């Protein structure tokens, strides 16, 4: 299955172990291919829009908005505490 998106930090290479993170789920998998504009690449760098071929994951296991990250790199949170200041200009 291919996952499409932009590489934000670092590099992604063929053979890297990765986790699909988000919505309270973590799925470990490996990258078996990297493509950009229908051309196979050895790696994708920050700023590249790539398609990552991943192993052992079904289409129903992945949702829009999840991240593909190095294992243990990202933490997900379900609760957030914040302060909000509203300023009205009339």
N, C-alpha and C. Protein backbone atom coordinates (compact mmCIF):
# COMPACT_ATOMS: atom_id res chain seq x y z
N UNK A 1 0.84 -1.17 0.00
CA UNK A 1 0.00 0.00 0.00
C UNK A 1 0.88 1.24 0.00
N UNK A 2 0.50 2.25 -0.77
CA UNK A 2 1.24 3.50 -0.83
C UNK A 2 0.61 4.54 0.08
N UNK A 3 1.44 5.26 0.81
CA UNK A 3 1.02 6.42 1.59
C UNK A 3 1.66 7.64 0.94
N UNK A 4 0.86 8.67 0.69
CA UNK A 4 1.35 9.86 0.01
C UNK A 4 1.39 11.03 0.97
N UNK A 5 2.42 11.85 0.84
CA UNK A 5 2.52 13.05 1.67
C UNK A 5 3.88 13.69 1.55
N UNK A 6 4.08 14.69 2.38
CA UNK A 6 5.30 15.48 2.36
C UNK A 6 6.23 15.06 3.50
N UNK A 7 7.51 15.00 3.22
CA UNK A 7 8.51 14.73 4.25
C UNK A 7 8.81 16.07 4.94
N UNK A 8 8.55 16.16 6.25
CA UNK A 8 8.75 17.43 6.96
C UNK A 8 10.15 17.54 7.55
N UNK A 9 10.64 16.49 8.18
CA UNK A 9 11.95 16.52 8.82
C UNK A 9 12.76 15.31 8.41
N UNK A 10 14.05 15.50 8.22
CA UNK A 10 14.96 14.38 8.00
C UNK A 10 14.82 13.72 6.64
N UNK A 11 15.07 12.43 6.64
CA UNK A 11 15.03 11.63 5.41
C UNK A 11 14.29 10.32 5.67
N UNK A 12 13.73 9.79 4.62
CA UNK A 12 13.10 8.47 4.68
C UNK A 12 13.75 7.62 3.59
N UNK A 13 14.23 6.44 3.97
CA UNK A 13 14.95 5.57 3.04
C UNK A 13 14.24 4.23 2.92
N UNK A 14 14.51 3.55 1.84
CA UNK A 14 13.98 2.20 1.65
C UNK A 14 14.61 1.29 2.71
N UNK A 15 13.78 0.53 3.39
CA UNK A 15 14.24 -0.38 4.44
C UNK A 15 14.11 0.18 5.84
N UNK A 16 13.75 1.46 5.99
CA UNK A 16 13.59 2.06 7.31
C UNK A 16 12.38 1.48 8.03
N UNK A 17 12.52 1.25 9.33
CA UNK A 17 11.39 0.88 10.17
C UNK A 17 10.67 2.15 10.58
N UNK A 18 9.34 2.17 10.48
CA UNK A 18 8.54 3.35 10.79
C UNK A 18 7.30 2.94 11.56
N UNK A 19 6.66 3.94 12.17
CA UNK A 19 5.38 3.75 12.84
C UNK A 19 4.35 4.65 12.19
N UNK A 20 3.13 4.16 12.09
CA UNK A 20 2.00 4.99 11.67
C UNK A 20 1.33 5.42 12.96
N UNK A 21 1.35 6.74 13.22
CA UNK A 21 0.94 7.30 14.51
C UNK A 21 -0.25 8.22 14.32
N UNK A 22 -1.21 8.12 15.21
CA UNK A 22 -2.33 9.06 15.20
C UNK A 22 -3.63 8.41 15.62
N UNK A 23 -4.52 9.24 16.20
CA UNK A 23 -5.85 8.81 16.63
C UNK A 23 -5.78 7.67 17.64
N UNK A 24 -4.75 7.70 18.50
CA UNK A 24 -4.61 6.70 19.55
C UNK A 24 -4.08 5.36 19.08
N UNK A 25 -3.62 5.28 17.86
CA UNK A 25 -3.12 4.02 17.31
C UNK A 25 -1.65 4.13 16.96
N UNK A 26 -0.93 3.02 17.07
CA UNK A 26 0.46 2.93 16.64
C UNK A 26 0.63 1.60 15.92
N UNK A 27 1.08 1.67 14.67
CA UNK A 27 1.28 0.47 13.87
C UNK A 27 2.71 0.48 13.35
N UNK A 28 3.48 -0.56 13.67
CA UNK A 28 4.86 -0.65 13.19
C UNK A 28 4.88 -1.33 11.84
N UNK A 29 5.72 -0.80 10.93
CA UNK A 29 5.85 -1.35 9.60
C UNK A 29 7.21 -0.95 9.04
N UNK A 30 7.48 -1.32 7.80
CA UNK A 30 8.75 -0.98 7.15
C UNK A 30 8.46 -0.41 5.76
N UNK A 31 9.33 0.45 5.31
CA UNK A 31 9.19 1.05 3.98
C UNK A 31 9.91 0.18 2.97
N UNK A 32 9.19 -0.22 1.93
CA UNK A 32 9.80 -1.08 0.91
C UNK A 32 10.04 -0.33 -0.40
N UNK A 33 9.57 0.92 -0.50
CA UNK A 33 9.82 1.70 -1.70
C UNK A 33 9.46 3.16 -1.50
N UNK A 34 10.16 4.04 -2.21
CA UNK A 34 9.89 5.47 -2.17
C UNK A 34 9.78 5.96 -3.61
N UNK A 35 8.68 6.64 -3.93
CA UNK A 35 8.48 7.17 -5.28
C UNK A 35 8.15 8.65 -5.23
N UNK A 36 8.57 9.35 -6.29
CA UNK A 36 8.21 10.75 -6.46
C UNK A 36 7.97 10.98 -7.94
N UNK A 37 6.76 11.42 -8.29
CA UNK A 37 6.36 11.65 -9.67
C UNK A 37 6.61 10.42 -10.54
N UNK A 38 6.17 9.25 -10.04
CA UNK A 38 6.24 7.96 -10.74
C UNK A 38 7.67 7.51 -11.03
N UNK A 39 8.64 7.98 -10.25
CA UNK A 39 10.03 7.54 -10.37
C UNK A 39 10.48 6.97 -9.03
N UNK A 40 11.11 5.81 -9.07
CA UNK A 40 11.62 5.19 -7.84
C UNK A 40 12.84 5.94 -7.34
N UNK A 41 12.87 6.18 -6.04
CA UNK A 41 13.99 6.86 -5.41
C UNK A 41 14.56 5.98 -4.31
N UNK A 42 15.79 6.22 -3.95
CA UNK A 42 16.38 5.51 -2.83
C UNK A 42 15.98 6.12 -1.51
N UNK A 43 15.71 7.44 -1.52
CA UNK A 43 15.33 8.14 -0.30
C UNK A 43 14.56 9.41 -0.65
N UNK A 44 13.80 9.88 0.33
CA UNK A 44 13.11 11.16 0.21
C UNK A 44 13.63 12.10 1.26
N UNK A 45 13.84 13.37 0.90
CA UNK A 45 14.38 14.36 1.82
C UNK A 45 13.30 15.33 2.24
N UNK A 46 13.60 16.14 3.25
CA UNK A 46 12.65 17.13 3.74
C UNK A 46 12.22 18.05 2.61
N UNK A 47 10.90 18.24 2.48
CA UNK A 47 10.35 19.07 1.44
C UNK A 47 9.84 18.31 0.23
N UNK A 48 10.18 17.04 0.10
CA UNK A 48 9.73 16.21 -1.03
C UNK A 48 8.32 15.70 -0.81
N UNK A 49 7.52 15.70 -1.85
CA UNK A 49 6.22 15.03 -1.84
C UNK A 49 6.45 13.62 -2.37
N UNK A 50 6.24 12.64 -1.53
CA UNK A 50 6.58 11.27 -1.90
C UNK A 50 5.39 10.34 -1.72
N UNK A 51 5.53 9.16 -2.31
CA UNK A 51 4.65 8.04 -2.04
C UNK A 51 5.52 6.95 -1.42
N UNK A 52 5.17 6.51 -0.23
CA UNK A 52 5.96 5.49 0.48
C UNK A 52 5.21 4.16 0.42
N UNK A 53 5.83 3.15 -0.16
CA UNK A 53 5.26 1.81 -0.21
C UNK A 53 5.58 1.13 1.11
N UNK A 54 4.53 0.74 1.85
CA UNK A 54 4.75 0.14 3.16
C UNK A 54 4.26 -1.30 3.17
N UNK A 55 4.84 -2.08 4.07
CA UNK A 55 4.60 -3.52 4.11
C UNK A 55 3.66 -3.88 5.25
N UNK A 56 2.73 -4.78 4.98
CA UNK A 56 1.93 -5.39 6.03
C UNK A 56 0.82 -4.54 6.62
N UNK A 57 0.37 -3.52 5.93
CA UNK A 57 -0.69 -2.65 6.44
C UNK A 57 -1.83 -2.63 5.42
N UNK A 58 -3.06 -2.81 5.93
CA UNK A 58 -4.23 -2.78 5.06
C UNK A 58 -4.76 -1.36 4.91
N UNK A 59 -5.54 -1.16 3.89
CA UNK A 59 -6.09 0.16 3.62
C UNK A 59 -6.99 0.65 4.76
N UNK A 60 -7.66 -0.26 5.41
CA UNK A 60 -8.57 0.11 6.50
C UNK A 60 -7.82 0.47 7.79
N UNK A 61 -6.52 0.15 7.86
CA UNK A 61 -5.72 0.45 9.05
C UNK A 61 -5.21 1.88 9.09
N UNK A 62 -5.27 2.59 7.96
CA UNK A 62 -4.71 3.93 7.85
C UNK A 62 -5.83 4.93 7.61
N UNK A 63 -5.75 6.07 8.33
CA UNK A 63 -6.73 7.14 8.17
C UNK A 63 -6.03 8.43 7.77
N UNK A 64 -6.77 9.30 7.15
CA UNK A 64 -6.22 10.60 6.78
C UNK A 64 -5.83 11.37 8.04
N UNK A 65 -4.67 11.99 8.03
CA UNK A 65 -4.21 12.77 9.16
C UNK A 65 -3.21 12.05 10.04
N UNK A 66 -2.96 10.78 9.80
CA UNK A 66 -1.96 10.07 10.59
C UNK A 66 -0.56 10.39 10.08
N UNK A 67 0.43 10.15 10.93
CA UNK A 67 1.82 10.44 10.60
C UNK A 67 2.60 9.16 10.40
N UNK A 68 3.58 9.24 9.54
CA UNK A 68 4.54 8.16 9.35
C UNK A 68 5.84 8.67 9.97
N UNK A 69 6.29 8.05 11.08
CA UNK A 69 7.44 8.57 11.83
C UNK A 69 8.35 7.44 12.28
N UNK A 70 9.56 7.84 12.67
CA UNK A 70 10.51 6.91 13.24
C UNK A 70 9.93 6.35 14.54
N UNK A 71 10.12 5.06 14.85
CA UNK A 71 9.55 4.49 16.07
C UNK A 71 9.98 5.24 17.33
N UNK A 72 9.00 5.64 18.15
CA UNK A 72 9.26 6.34 19.40
C UNK A 72 9.48 7.84 19.25
N UNK A 73 9.42 8.39 18.04
CA UNK A 73 9.71 9.81 17.83
C UNK A 73 8.54 10.71 18.22
N UNK A 74 7.33 10.32 17.89
CA UNK A 74 6.15 11.16 18.12
C UNK A 74 5.32 10.63 19.28
N UNK A 75 4.76 11.56 20.04
CA UNK A 75 3.78 11.23 21.06
C UNK A 75 2.46 11.86 20.66
N UNK A 76 1.39 11.13 20.84
CA UNK A 76 0.07 11.68 20.53
C UNK A 76 -0.66 11.97 21.83
N UNK A 77 -1.48 12.99 21.80
CA UNK A 77 -2.24 13.40 22.97
C UNK A 77 -3.71 13.48 22.62
N UNK A 78 -4.56 13.16 23.60
CA UNK A 78 -6.00 13.24 23.38
C UNK A 78 -6.62 14.40 24.15
N UNK A 79 -5.88 14.96 25.10
CA UNK A 79 -6.39 16.10 25.88
C UNK A 79 -5.37 17.24 25.82
N UNK A 80 -5.89 18.47 25.71
CA UNK A 80 -5.05 19.65 25.64
C UNK A 80 -5.62 20.71 26.56
N UNK A 81 -4.78 21.38 27.32
CA UNK A 81 -5.19 22.48 28.18
C UNK A 81 -4.62 23.77 27.60
N UNK A 82 -5.46 24.80 27.46
CA UNK A 82 -4.99 26.04 26.87
C UNK A 82 -5.70 27.24 27.50
N UNK A 83 -5.12 28.41 27.30
CA UNK A 83 -5.72 29.68 27.70
C UNK A 83 -6.06 30.44 26.42
N UNK A 84 -7.22 31.04 26.38
CA UNK A 84 -7.67 31.72 25.18
C UNK A 84 -8.02 33.16 25.51
N UNK A 85 -7.43 34.09 24.78
CA UNK A 85 -7.74 35.51 24.93
C UNK A 85 -8.45 35.97 23.67
N UNK A 86 -9.63 36.52 23.83
CA UNK A 86 -10.42 37.00 22.70
C UNK A 86 -10.36 38.52 22.69
N UNK A 87 -9.91 39.08 21.59
CA UNK A 87 -9.83 40.52 21.43
C UNK A 87 -10.72 40.91 20.27
N UNK A 88 -11.65 41.79 20.55
CA UNK A 88 -12.57 42.25 19.50
C UNK A 88 -12.18 43.66 19.06
N UNK A 89 -12.01 43.84 17.79
CA UNK A 89 -11.75 45.15 17.22
C UNK A 89 -13.02 45.65 16.56
N UNK A 90 -13.56 46.74 17.10
CA UNK A 90 -14.81 47.28 16.55
C UNK A 90 -14.56 48.67 16.01
